[in-house]
Amino acid sequence: MPNVDPIQHQIQTNAIWSWSQLLPMENILLFFDDEKSCSFMRTLYQEISCQSLPLSKCFHSTYHRPYMNCVFDLAQQHIKTSILVFVNGDIILHNSVPHAISFVNTHFREFFLVGCRRDYVVSRSLNYSNPANTLQDALNNSQITSTADIDFIAFKTDTPIYMAPFLVGVYRWDNWLLSEMLLRTNITVIDVTQSTFIIHQKLKELDGQKPLHHSSRIGAAYNDELTKNISGTDYKVGFINNAPQILSGDCQKNQCEFKENLLQSEVILLKQRANTQKYIAVLTIKRGHIPLVWNWVSVFTLVYM
């Protein structure tokens, strides 16, 4: 069914419109809590793919939220393309996105793309019924406010992606997933922020109203506990600015390029090189002593490894 809040319904409509400008409607897969919502969407978009999540398998009995692993599994089963893009329902995508994905796809056999969203404040007092005008205004009046919120993910459908049973619509799952890709796989993680426009339609708070903190949302405690049970505090490195590769430039004009992220957290470098007991040796040396140190390391390796 349509969102009972007219402005929220328009936000979703603008998002779907933007996706339909980038690929055939039958390649767009929507997920809803119930079949009634899917049936309604099919009256608006006859060719769109829609899946209602099974209540018995995909919903937490206490928090009444669907599981992220169900969404990922169903997407993998029903996707009709070789690349899967995951975005939230309030995200407008610009045509820079498919050009960036195509460029990456020609250079890497496996990849995991992330990008910072640009917040575009939507006011209840203004009219956003023209999606094209809304997109143009958003391009000129949006800004990046965080590298933690991940509303865009892209990867090849044959890439082995494991998703734990996190709850949808609550924090932690995205940072956990990115940290897993960074620390426990050899898949190339690429930050496409500089070559794409990923617009987050953010509803303006009413006067005197404070935004609900992520930790206060229903199911947040569940996701937080699950994250820490799986990987401790490793999720804290799951920020977009920790991607080892950056794609910059205009790919539509074939003027984009990859560059190494020199500002990646040293914590990632340390965790990647630590042994199974989480120990690592760090050597500090003076300039000019490198040959001597390499000789010492070689002897150490021969005797102790």
Protein backbone atom coordinates (compact mmCIF):
# COMPACT_ATOMS: atom_id res chain seq x y z
CA MET A 1 0.00 0.00 0.00
CA PRO A 2 1.18 3.59 -0.49
CA ASN A 3 2.86 5.22 2.46
CA VAL A 4 0.18 6.91 4.56
CA ASP A 5 2.44 9.97 4.83
CA PRO A 6 2.15 11.84 1.48
CA ILE A 7 5.69 13.23 1.61
CA GLN A 8 7.15 9.81 2.43
CA HIS A 9 5.20 8.36 -0.50
CA GLN A 10 6.66 11.05 -2.77
CA ILE A 11 10.16 10.31 -1.51
CA GLN A 12 9.72 6.64 -2.46
CA THR A 13 8.20 7.59 -5.81
CA ASN A 14 11.13 9.87 -6.65
CA ALA A 15 13.59 7.11 -5.74
CA ILE A 16 11.89 4.51 -7.94
CA TRP A 17 11.64 6.99 -10.81
CA SER A 18 15.39 7.63 -10.65
CA TRP A 19 16.15 3.91 -10.76
CA SER A 20 13.83 3.45 -13.75
CA GLN A 21 15.89 6.00 -15.69
CA LEU A 22 19.00 3.84 -15.31
CA LEU A 23 17.82 0.32 -16.13
CA PRO A 24 14.73 -1.56 -17.36
CA MET A 25 11.87 -1.67 -14.88
CA GLU A 26 11.91 -5.48 -14.75
CA ASN A 27 15.43 -5.34 -13.36
CA ILE A 28 14.28 -3.35 -10.32
CA LEU A 29 13.46 -5.57 -7.36
CA LEU A 30 11.45 -4.10 -4.49
CA PHE A 31 11.00 -5.71 -1.07
CA PHE A 32 7.93 -5.13 1.10
CA ASP A 33 6.57 -6.47 4.36
CA ASP A 34 3.35 -7.78 2.82
CA GLU A 35 1.81 -8.85 -0.49
CA LYS A 36 -0.74 -5.99 -0.46
CA SER A 37 2.07 -3.46 -0.86
CA CYS A 38 3.54 -5.46 -3.76
CA SER A 39 0.14 -5.65 -5.44
CA PHE A 40 -0.28 -1.90 -5.16
CA MET A 41 3.18 -1.24 -6.62
CA ARG A 42 2.35 -3.48 -9.58
CA THR A 43 -0.65 -1.27 -10.36
CA LEU A 44 1.73 1.68 -10.69
CA TYR A 45 4.63 -0.14 -12.36
CA GLN A 46 3.37 -3.17 -14.27
CA GLU A 47 6.84 -4.48 -15.17
CA ILE A 48 8.53 -4.01 -11.81
CA SER A 49 9.68 -7.02 -9.76
CA CYS A 50 8.37 -7.12 -6.22
CA GLN A 51 8.85 -9.58 -3.38
CA SER A 52 6.95 -9.74 -0.12
CA LEU A 53 9.08 -11.18 2.67
CA PRO A 54 7.77 -14.47 4.17
CA LEU A 55 6.41 -13.73 7.63
CA SER A 56 7.36 -17.13 9.09
CA LYS A 57 10.99 -17.12 7.92
CA CYS A 58 12.04 -13.52 7.50
CA PHE A 59 10.64 -11.62 10.49
CA HIS A 60 11.86 -11.37 14.05
CA SER A 61 9.05 -12.49 16.33
CA THR A 62 9.71 -9.82 18.97
CA TYR A 63 10.82 -6.77 17.00
CA HIS A 64 8.63 -7.49 13.96
CA ARG A 65 11.34 -6.40 11.57
CA PRO A 66 12.58 -8.43 8.58
CA TYR A 67 16.05 -9.97 8.50
CA MET A 68 18.72 -8.59 6.19
CA ASN A 69 19.96 -12.07 5.25
CA CYS A 70 16.48 -12.86 3.86
CA VAL A 71 16.62 -9.75 1.69
CA PHE A 72 20.07 -10.64 0.36
CA ASP A 73 19.15 -14.28 -0.25
CA LEU A 74 15.96 -13.42 -2.13
CA ALA A 75 17.76 -10.77 -4.17
CA GLN A 76 20.40 -13.30 -5.21
CA GLN A 77 17.66 -15.75 -6.23
CA HIS A 78 15.58 -13.31 -8.29
CA ILE A 79 18.18 -10.96 -9.76
CA LYS A 80 18.29 -10.94 -13.56
CA THR A 81 21.59 -9.13 -14.01
CA SER A 82 25.25 -9.95 -13.34
CA ILE A 83 25.63 -7.07 -10.88
CA LEU A 84 23.47 -6.43 -7.83
CA VAL A 85 22.98 -2.91 -6.46
CA PHE A 86 21.45 -2.45 -3.02
CA VAL A 87 19.97 0.91 -2.01
CA ASN A 88 17.44 2.07 0.54
CA GLY A 89 13.99 3.16 -0.57
CA ASP A 90 14.68 6.88 -0.08
CA ILE A 91 17.79 7.00 -2.30
CA ILE A 92 17.80 8.81 -5.66
CA LEU A 93 20.48 7.55 -8.06
CA HIS A 94 22.07 9.77 -10.69
CA ASN A 95 23.19 8.45 -14.09
CA SER A 96 26.79 8.73 -12.90
CA VAL A 97 26.20 5.50 -10.92
CA PRO A 98 25.87 2.98 -13.80
CA HIS A 99 28.82 4.57 -15.61
CA ALA A 100 31.00 4.15 -12.51
CA ILE A 101 29.88 0.53 -12.09
CA SER A 102 30.59 -0.26 -15.75
CA PHE A 103 34.06 1.27 -15.47
CA VAL A 104 34.89 -0.80 -12.40
CA ASN A 105 33.46 -3.93 -14.01
CA THR A 106 35.93 -3.65 -16.90
CA HIS A 107 38.90 -3.57 -14.51
CA PHE A 108 38.04 -6.02 -11.71
CA ARG A 109 36.71 -9.57 -11.73
CA GLU A 110 35.38 -9.16 -8.18
CA PHE A 111 34.57 -5.91 -6.42
CA PHE A 112 32.52 -4.42 -3.61
CA LEU A 113 31.46 -0.82 -4.18
CA VAL A 114 30.36 1.65 -1.53
CA GLY A 115 29.71 5.37 -1.71
CA CYS A 116 28.80 8.19 0.64
CA ARG A 117 25.27 9.48 0.35
CA ARG A 118 24.56 13.17 -0.08
CA ASP A 119 21.83 14.40 2.24
CA TYR A 120 19.10 16.41 0.51
CA VAL A 121 16.68 17.97 2.99
CA VAL A 122 13.04 17.52 2.02
CA SER A 123 10.52 19.94 3.50
CA ARG A 124 6.83 19.21 3.99
CA SER A 125 5.97 22.70 2.80
CA LEU A 126 7.47 22.25 -0.69
CA ASN A 127 6.36 20.31 -3.76
CA TYR A 128 8.52 17.41 -4.97
CA SER A 129 6.05 15.85 -7.38
CA ASN A 130 8.36 16.34 -10.37
CA PRO A 131 11.15 13.77 -9.87
CA ALA A 132 13.40 15.24 -12.57
CA ASN A 133 13.28 18.69 -10.98
CA THR A 134 13.84 17.15 -7.56
CA LEU A 135 16.94 15.34 -8.79
CA GLN A 136 18.36 18.51 -10.34
CA ASP A 137 17.72 20.50 -7.17
CA ALA A 138 19.30 17.73 -5.10
CA LEU A 139 22.45 17.78 -7.21
CA ASN A 140 22.87 21.46 -6.38
CA ASN A 141 21.71 21.38 -2.76
CA SER A 142 22.96 18.21 -1.12
CA GLN A 143 26.03 17.48 0.94
CA ILE A 144 27.97 14.58 2.42
CA THR A 145 27.64 14.51 6.20
CA SER A 146 28.97 11.07 7.15
CA THR A 147 31.17 8.20 5.95
CA ALA A 148 29.46 5.76 8.32
CA ASP A 149 25.98 5.55 6.76
CA ILE A 150 26.10 3.12 3.83
CA ASP A 151 23.00 3.35 1.62
CA PHE A 152 24.65 2.10 -1.58
CA ILE A 153 26.35 -1.25 -2.20
CA ALA A 154 27.17 -2.92 -5.52
CA PHE A 155 28.80 -6.27 -6.27
CA LYS A 156 28.68 -9.11 -8.79
CA THR A 157 25.93 -11.63 -8.16
CA ASP A 158 28.40 -14.52 -8.17
CA THR A 159 30.48 -12.90 -5.44
CA PRO A 160 30.18 -14.88 -2.19
CA ILE A 161 28.59 -12.38 0.21
CA TYR A 162 27.60 -13.64 3.66
CA MET A 163 24.96 -11.62 5.46
CA ALA A 164 24.21 -12.33 9.12
CA PRO A 165 20.60 -12.18 10.40
CA PHE A 166 20.58 -8.46 11.17
CA LEU A 167 17.33 -6.52 11.35
CA VAL A 168 16.36 -4.22 8.48
CA GLY A 169 16.15 -0.50 9.14
CA VAL A 170 18.53 -0.49 12.09
CA TYR A 171 22.21 0.38 12.34
CA ARG A 172 25.35 -1.77 12.53
CA TRP A 173 24.69 -4.27 9.70
CA ASP A 174 26.23 -2.03 7.03
CA ASN A 175 29.38 -1.21 8.97
CA TRP A 176 29.73 -4.86 9.99
CA LEU A 177 29.44 -6.02 6.37
CA LEU A 178 31.99 -3.49 5.13
CA SER A 179 34.42 -4.44 7.91
CA GLU A 180 34.08 -8.10 6.91
CA MET A 181 34.86 -7.26 3.29
CA LEU A 182 37.88 -5.22 4.35
CA LEU A 183 39.34 -7.60 6.93
CA ARG A 184 38.31 -11.10 5.90
CA THR A 185 38.13 -11.24 2.09
CA ASN A 186 40.38 -10.56 -0.87
CA ILE A 187 37.60 -8.77 -2.74
CA THR A 188 38.58 -5.26 -3.82
CA VAL A 189 36.59 -2.62 -1.93
CA ILE A 190 36.22 0.64 -3.83
CA ASP A 191 34.86 3.99 -2.67
CA VAL A 192 32.95 5.55 -5.59
CA THR A 193 31.88 8.72 -3.75
CA GLN A 194 33.98 11.02 -5.94
CA SER A 195 32.51 9.68 -9.19
CA THR A 196 28.82 9.26 -8.30
CA PHE A 197 25.84 11.12 -6.90
CA ILE A 198 23.89 9.07 -4.36
CA ILE A 199 21.13 11.29 -3.02
CA HIS A 200 19.49 10.62 0.34
CA GLN A 201 16.12 12.35 0.65
CA LYS A 202 16.16 13.39 4.30
CA LEU A 203 12.86 14.60 5.70
CA LYS A 204 13.25 17.87 7.59
CA GLU A 205 12.45 17.64 11.28
CA LEU A 206 9.42 19.53 12.55
CA ASP A 207 10.05 22.56 14.74
CA GLY A 208 11.17 21.39 18.16
CA GLN A 209 11.51 17.79 17.01
CA LYS A 210 14.79 15.96 17.55
CA PRO A 211 15.90 13.13 15.26
CA LEU A 212 15.70 9.66 16.76
CA HIS A 213 19.19 8.35 17.46
CA HIS A 214 20.11 5.07 15.77
CA SER A 215 20.61 3.36 19.14
CA SER A 216 17.04 4.21 20.18
CA ARG A 217 15.31 2.54 17.23
CA ILE A 218 13.37 -0.68 17.62
CA GLY A 219 15.75 -3.61 17.27
CA ALA A 220 18.93 -1.54 17.64
CA ALA A 221 20.03 -3.44 20.74
CA TYR A 222 19.61 -6.74 18.87
CA ASN A 223 21.81 -5.61 15.96
CA ASP A 224 24.40 -4.16 18.32
CA GLU A 225 24.67 -7.39 20.30
CA LEU A 226 24.79 -9.54 17.16
CA THR A 227 27.59 -7.40 15.71
CA LYS A 228 29.75 -7.65 18.80
CA ASN A 229 29.10 -11.38 19.20
CA ILE A 230 30.27 -12.03 15.64
CA SER A 231 33.32 -9.81 15.37
CA GLY A 232 33.81 -7.81 18.54
CA THR A 233 34.65 -4.21 17.72
CA ASP A 234 35.86 -4.81 14.17
CA TYR A 235 32.73 -3.07 12.84
CA LYS A 236 34.32 0.22 13.88
CA VAL A 237 36.59 0.12 10.83
CA GLY A 238 33.60 -0.39 8.50
CA PHE A 239 33.56 3.21 7.27
CA ILE A 240 33.50 4.18 3.61
CA ASN A 241 36.69 6.22 3.92
CA ASN A 242 38.55 3.02 4.82
CA ALA A 243 38.12 1.53 1.35
CA PRO A 244 41.61 0.79 -0.02
CA GLN A 245 40.73 2.01 -3.52
CA ILE A 246 39.03 5.25 -4.61
CA LEU A 247 37.35 5.88 -7.94
CA SER A 248 37.45 9.54 -8.94
CA GLY A 249 36.47 11.57 -11.99
CA ASP A 250 33.65 11.48 -14.54
CA CYS A 251 33.25 7.93 -15.86
CA GLN A 252 30.54 9.00 -18.31
CA LYS A 253 33.21 10.99 -20.15
CA ASN A 254 35.74 8.20 -19.64
CA GLN A 255 37.71 10.54 -17.39
CA CYS A 256 37.77 8.52 -14.19
CA GLU A 257 40.62 6.65 -12.56
CA PHE A 258 41.52 4.52 -9.57
CA LYS A 259 43.81 5.74 -6.86
CA GLU A 260 45.09 4.25 -3.65
CA ASN A 261 43.50 5.52 -0.46
CA LEU A 262 46.45 6.87 1.49
CA LEU A 263 44.23 7.90 4.41
CA GLN A 264 43.01 4.40 5.21
CA SER A 265 43.01 3.71 8.96
CA GLU A 266 46.20 2.13 10.27
CA VAL A 267 43.94 -0.12 12.37
CA ILE A 268 42.94 -1.97 9.20
CA LEU A 269 46.55 -2.44 8.18
CA LEU A 270 47.40 -3.82 11.61
CA LYS A 271 44.39 -6.16 11.74
CA GLN A 272 45.09 -7.50 8.25
CA ARG A 273 48.67 -8.39 9.19
CA ALA A 274 48.11 -9.75 12.71
CA ASN A 275 48.45 -13.50 13.26
CA THR A 276 45.64 -15.77 14.51
CA GLN A 277 46.49 -14.83 18.11
CA LYS A 278 46.09 -11.16 17.11
CA TYR A 279 49.78 -10.37 17.65
CA ILE A 280 51.84 -8.19 15.34
CA ALA A 281 55.43 -6.96 15.46
CA VAL A 282 55.99 -3.29 14.73
CA LEU A 283 59.50 -2.08 13.99
CA THR A 284 60.62 1.53 14.13
CA ILE A 285 63.82 2.28 12.26
CA LYS A 286 66.00 5.21 11.38
CA ARG A 287 66.66 6.28 7.82
CA GLY A 288 69.65 4.49 6.41
CA HIS A 289 69.23 1.38 8.58
CA ILE A 290 66.74 -0.41 6.29
CA PRO A 291 69.27 -2.98 4.91
CA LEU A 292 70.31 -3.89 8.47
CA VAL A 293 66.69 -4.30 9.57
CA TRP A 294 65.82 -6.51 6.58
CA ASN A 295 68.78 -8.72 7.48
CA TRP A 296 67.53 -8.94 11.08
CA VAL A 297 64.00 -9.79 9.94
CA SER A 298 65.31 -12.53 7.63
CA VAL A 299 67.22 -14.14 10.50
CA PHE A 300 64.18 -13.89 12.77
CA THR A 301 61.99 -15.57 10.15
CA LEU A 302 64.52 -18.37 9.64
CA VAL A 303 64.88 -19.14 13.35
CA TYR A 304 61.36 -18.62 14.71
CA MET A 305 58.83 -19.06 11.94
